[in-house]
Amino acid sequence: MEYKIVQRQEADWKEHEGKQVMIKTKDGKIVTGRVRLKAVRCGKKGCTKCPHKIYAYAQYRIGKKVMEKYLGVAR
């Protein structure tokens, strides 16, 4: 298994989709998760161009709860 500590300035998240990463949570713990890409809508009423961008998130579990941490825009 290949683990990588996530950094904010990743060049291209698309090539890392589905790979395992190590994430530092808000309380300082390091957990393992996977990189997931999501197309997020802007939320404006009447917008016909959504989704505008695709964003990368790290998904991980704390107990039974699935958490997400924003990583950046997937270019």
N, C-alpha and C. Protein backbone atom coordinates (compact mmCIF):
# COMPACT_ATOMS: atom_id res chain seq x y z
N MET A 1 0.84 -1.19 0.00
CA MET A 1 0.00 0.00 0.00
C MET A 1 0.88 1.24 0.00
N GLU A 2 0.48 2.18 -0.80
CA GLU A 2 1.23 3.43 -0.87
C GLU A 2 0.43 4.54 -0.19
N TYR A 3 1.05 5.16 0.79
CA TYR A 3 0.40 6.27 1.49
C TYR A 3 1.15 7.55 1.19
N LYS A 4 0.42 8.63 1.23
CA LYS A 4 1.01 9.92 0.95
C LYS A 4 0.35 10.94 1.85
N ILE A 5 1.13 11.80 2.49
CA ILE A 5 0.54 12.86 3.30
C ILE A 5 0.08 13.94 2.35
N VAL A 6 -1.17 14.34 2.49
CA VAL A 6 -1.80 15.28 1.56
C VAL A 6 -1.27 16.68 1.78
N GLN A 7 -0.93 17.33 0.67
CA GLN A 7 -0.52 18.72 0.70
C GLN A 7 -1.51 19.54 -0.11
N ARG A 8 -1.65 20.79 0.18
CA ARG A 8 -2.61 21.65 -0.50
C ARG A 8 -2.27 21.91 -1.96
N GLN A 9 -1.00 21.96 -2.31
CA GLN A 9 -0.59 22.37 -3.66
C GLN A 9 -0.33 21.17 -4.58
N GLU A 10 -1.28 20.27 -4.69
CA GLU A 10 -1.13 19.11 -5.58
C GLU A 10 -1.35 19.57 -7.03
N ALA A 11 -0.52 19.10 -7.94
CA ALA A 11 -0.57 19.55 -9.33
C ALA A 11 -1.84 19.09 -10.05
N ASP A 12 -2.16 17.81 -9.98
CA ASP A 12 -3.31 17.29 -10.71
C ASP A 12 -3.97 16.18 -9.90
N TRP A 13 -5.11 16.47 -9.31
CA TRP A 13 -5.80 15.50 -8.45
C TRP A 13 -6.41 14.36 -9.26
N LYS A 14 -6.67 14.56 -10.55
CA LYS A 14 -7.31 13.51 -11.36
C LYS A 14 -6.48 12.25 -11.41
N GLU A 15 -5.17 12.37 -11.45
CA GLU A 15 -4.32 11.18 -11.51
C GLU A 15 -4.20 10.48 -10.16
N HIS A 16 -4.66 11.12 -9.09
CA HIS A 16 -4.61 10.53 -7.75
C HIS A 16 -5.96 9.99 -7.29
N GLU A 17 -6.98 10.04 -8.11
CA GLU A 17 -8.31 9.59 -7.71
C GLU A 17 -8.30 8.12 -7.31
N GLY A 18 -8.89 7.82 -6.15
CA GLY A 18 -8.98 6.45 -5.67
C GLY A 18 -7.77 5.97 -4.89
N LYS A 19 -6.68 6.72 -4.89
CA LYS A 19 -5.48 6.31 -4.18
C LYS A 19 -5.60 6.63 -2.69
N GLN A 20 -4.91 5.84 -1.87
CA GLN A 20 -4.93 6.07 -0.44
C GLN A 20 -4.00 7.21 -0.08
N VAL A 21 -4.44 8.01 0.87
CA VAL A 21 -3.66 9.14 1.35
C VAL A 21 -3.75 9.20 2.87
N MET A 22 -2.80 9.88 3.48
CA MET A 22 -2.84 10.12 4.91
C MET A 22 -3.26 11.56 5.11
N ILE A 23 -4.25 11.77 5.97
CA ILE A 23 -4.82 13.10 6.19
C ILE A 23 -4.64 13.48 7.64
N LYS A 24 -4.24 14.72 7.86
CA LYS A 24 -4.15 15.24 9.22
C LYS A 24 -5.46 15.94 9.54
N THR A 25 -6.19 15.45 10.54
CA THR A 25 -7.49 16.00 10.89
C THR A 25 -7.33 17.28 11.71
N LYS A 26 -8.45 17.94 12.00
CA LYS A 26 -8.43 19.19 12.76
C LYS A 26 -7.82 19.04 14.15
N ASP A 27 -8.05 17.86 14.76
CA ASP A 27 -7.53 17.65 16.12
C ASP A 27 -6.10 17.09 16.12
N GLY A 28 -5.45 17.03 14.97
CA GLY A 28 -4.05 16.64 14.88
C GLY A 28 -3.80 15.16 14.63
N LYS A 29 -4.84 14.34 14.58
CA LYS A 29 -4.66 12.92 14.32
C LYS A 29 -4.40 12.69 12.84
N ILE A 30 -3.65 11.64 12.54
CA ILE A 30 -3.40 11.27 11.14
C ILE A 30 -4.19 10.01 10.85
N VAL A 31 -5.05 10.08 9.83
CA VAL A 31 -5.88 8.94 9.43
C VAL A 31 -5.67 8.67 7.95
N THR A 32 -6.06 7.48 7.51
CA THR A 32 -5.95 7.15 6.09
C THR A 32 -7.31 7.28 5.42
N GLY A 33 -7.29 7.68 4.17
CA GLY A 33 -8.52 7.83 3.40
C GLY A 33 -8.23 7.67 1.92
N ARG A 34 -9.20 8.01 1.10
CA ARG A 34 -9.04 7.92 -0.36
C ARG A 34 -9.41 9.25 -1.00
N VAL A 35 -8.78 9.54 -2.14
CA VAL A 35 -9.08 10.76 -2.89
C VAL A 35 -10.31 10.50 -3.75
N ARG A 36 -11.30 11.38 -3.65
CA ARG A 36 -12.53 11.29 -4.44
C ARG A 36 -12.74 12.63 -5.15
N LEU A 37 -13.22 12.56 -6.39
CA LEU A 37 -13.53 13.76 -7.17
C LEU A 37 -15.04 13.95 -7.20
N LYS A 38 -15.48 15.19 -7.01
CA LYS A 38 -16.91 15.50 -7.02
C LYS A 38 -17.17 16.73 -7.88
N ALA A 39 -18.24 16.66 -8.67
CA ALA A 39 -18.70 17.82 -9.43
C ALA A 39 -19.71 18.55 -8.54
N VAL A 40 -19.38 19.76 -8.14
CA VAL A 40 -20.20 20.50 -7.19
C VAL A 40 -20.91 21.64 -7.91
N ARG A 41 -22.21 21.76 -7.67
CA ARG A 41 -23.00 22.84 -8.27
C ARG A 41 -22.76 24.15 -7.52
N CYS A 42 -22.90 25.27 -8.23
CA CYS A 42 -22.64 26.58 -7.61
C CYS A 42 -23.78 27.02 -6.70
N GLY A 43 -25.00 26.56 -6.95
CA GLY A 43 -26.12 26.90 -6.10
C GLY A 43 -26.90 28.13 -6.52
N LYS A 44 -26.48 28.79 -7.57
CA LYS A 44 -27.21 29.98 -8.04
C LYS A 44 -28.48 29.56 -8.76
N LYS A 45 -29.55 30.28 -8.50
CA LYS A 45 -30.83 29.97 -9.13
C LYS A 45 -30.75 30.27 -10.63
N GLY A 46 -31.14 29.31 -11.44
CA GLY A 46 -31.17 29.51 -12.89
C GLY A 46 -29.84 29.28 -13.59
N CYS A 47 -28.83 28.77 -12.89
CA CYS A 47 -27.54 28.52 -13.53
C CYS A 47 -27.66 27.31 -14.45
N THR A 48 -27.27 27.48 -15.70
CA THR A 48 -27.36 26.40 -16.69
C THR A 48 -26.00 25.78 -17.01
N LYS A 49 -24.94 26.29 -16.40
CA LYS A 49 -23.59 25.81 -16.71
C LYS A 49 -22.99 24.93 -15.62
N CYS A 50 -23.78 24.54 -14.64
CA CYS A 50 -23.27 23.72 -13.54
C CYS A 50 -23.05 22.29 -14.00
N PRO A 51 -22.12 21.59 -13.45
CA PRO A 51 -21.12 22.06 -12.48
C PRO A 51 -20.00 22.82 -13.19
N HIS A 52 -19.51 23.86 -12.54
CA HIS A 52 -18.47 24.69 -13.13
C HIS A 52 -17.10 24.02 -13.05
N LYS A 53 -16.81 23.42 -11.89
CA LYS A 53 -15.51 22.78 -11.67
C LYS A 53 -15.69 21.45 -10.96
N ILE A 54 -14.65 20.66 -10.99
CA ILE A 54 -14.61 19.40 -10.26
C ILE A 54 -13.60 19.58 -9.14
N TYR A 55 -13.99 19.16 -7.93
CA TYR A 55 -13.16 19.35 -6.76
C TYR A 55 -12.72 18.01 -6.18
N ALA A 56 -11.54 18.00 -5.56
CA ALA A 56 -11.00 16.79 -4.94
C ALA A 56 -11.24 16.85 -3.43
N TYR A 57 -11.68 15.72 -2.88
CA TYR A 57 -11.91 15.58 -1.44
C TYR A 57 -11.23 14.31 -0.97
N ALA A 58 -10.75 14.31 0.26
CA ALA A 58 -10.26 13.10 0.89
C ALA A 58 -11.38 12.57 1.78
N GLN A 59 -11.79 11.33 1.56
CA GLN A 59 -12.84 10.71 2.36
C GLN A 59 -12.19 9.72 3.33
N TYR A 60 -12.57 9.81 4.60
CA TYR A 60 -12.04 8.92 5.62
C TYR A 60 -13.11 8.67 6.67
N ARG A 61 -12.88 7.67 7.51
CA ARG A 61 -13.84 7.30 8.55
C ARG A 61 -13.29 7.63 9.93
N ILE A 62 -14.20 8.11 10.77
CA ILE A 62 -13.93 8.22 12.20
C ILE A 62 -15.08 7.47 12.86
N GLY A 63 -14.79 6.27 13.32
CA GLY A 63 -15.83 5.39 13.83
C GLY A 63 -16.71 4.94 12.67
N LYS A 64 -18.01 5.17 12.77
CA LYS A 64 -18.93 4.82 11.69
C LYS A 64 -19.21 5.99 10.76
N LYS A 65 -18.75 7.17 11.13
CA LYS A 65 -19.05 8.38 10.37
C LYS A 65 -18.02 8.59 9.26
N VAL A 66 -18.51 8.86 8.04
CA VAL A 66 -17.64 9.17 6.91
C VAL A 66 -17.44 10.68 6.86
N MET A 67 -16.18 11.09 6.85
CA MET A 67 -15.83 12.51 6.85
C MET A 67 -15.16 12.86 5.52
N GLU A 68 -15.18 14.14 5.18
CA GLU A 68 -14.52 14.61 3.97
C GLU A 68 -13.68 15.82 4.31
N LYS A 69 -12.55 15.92 3.62
CA LYS A 69 -11.68 17.09 3.76
C LYS A 69 -11.40 17.61 2.36
N TYR A 70 -11.63 18.90 2.16
CA TYR A 70 -11.40 19.53 0.87
C TYR A 70 -9.91 19.55 0.56
N LEU A 71 -9.56 19.15 -0.65
CA LEU A 71 -8.15 19.15 -1.06
C LEU A 71 -7.83 20.23 -2.08
N GLY A 72 -8.76 20.49 -3.01
CA GLY A 72 -8.51 21.52 -4.01
C GLY A 72 -9.26 21.25 -5.30
N VAL A 73 -9.02 22.09 -6.28
CA VAL A 73 -9.67 21.96 -7.59
C VAL A 73 -8.93 20.92 -8.40
N ALA A 74 -9.67 20.00 -9.01
CA ALA A 74 -9.07 18.99 -9.88
C ALA A 74 -8.97 19.57 -11.28
N ARG A 75 -7.77 19.76 -11.76
CA ARG A 75 -7.57 20.39 -13.08
C ARG A 75 -7.50 19.37 -14.17
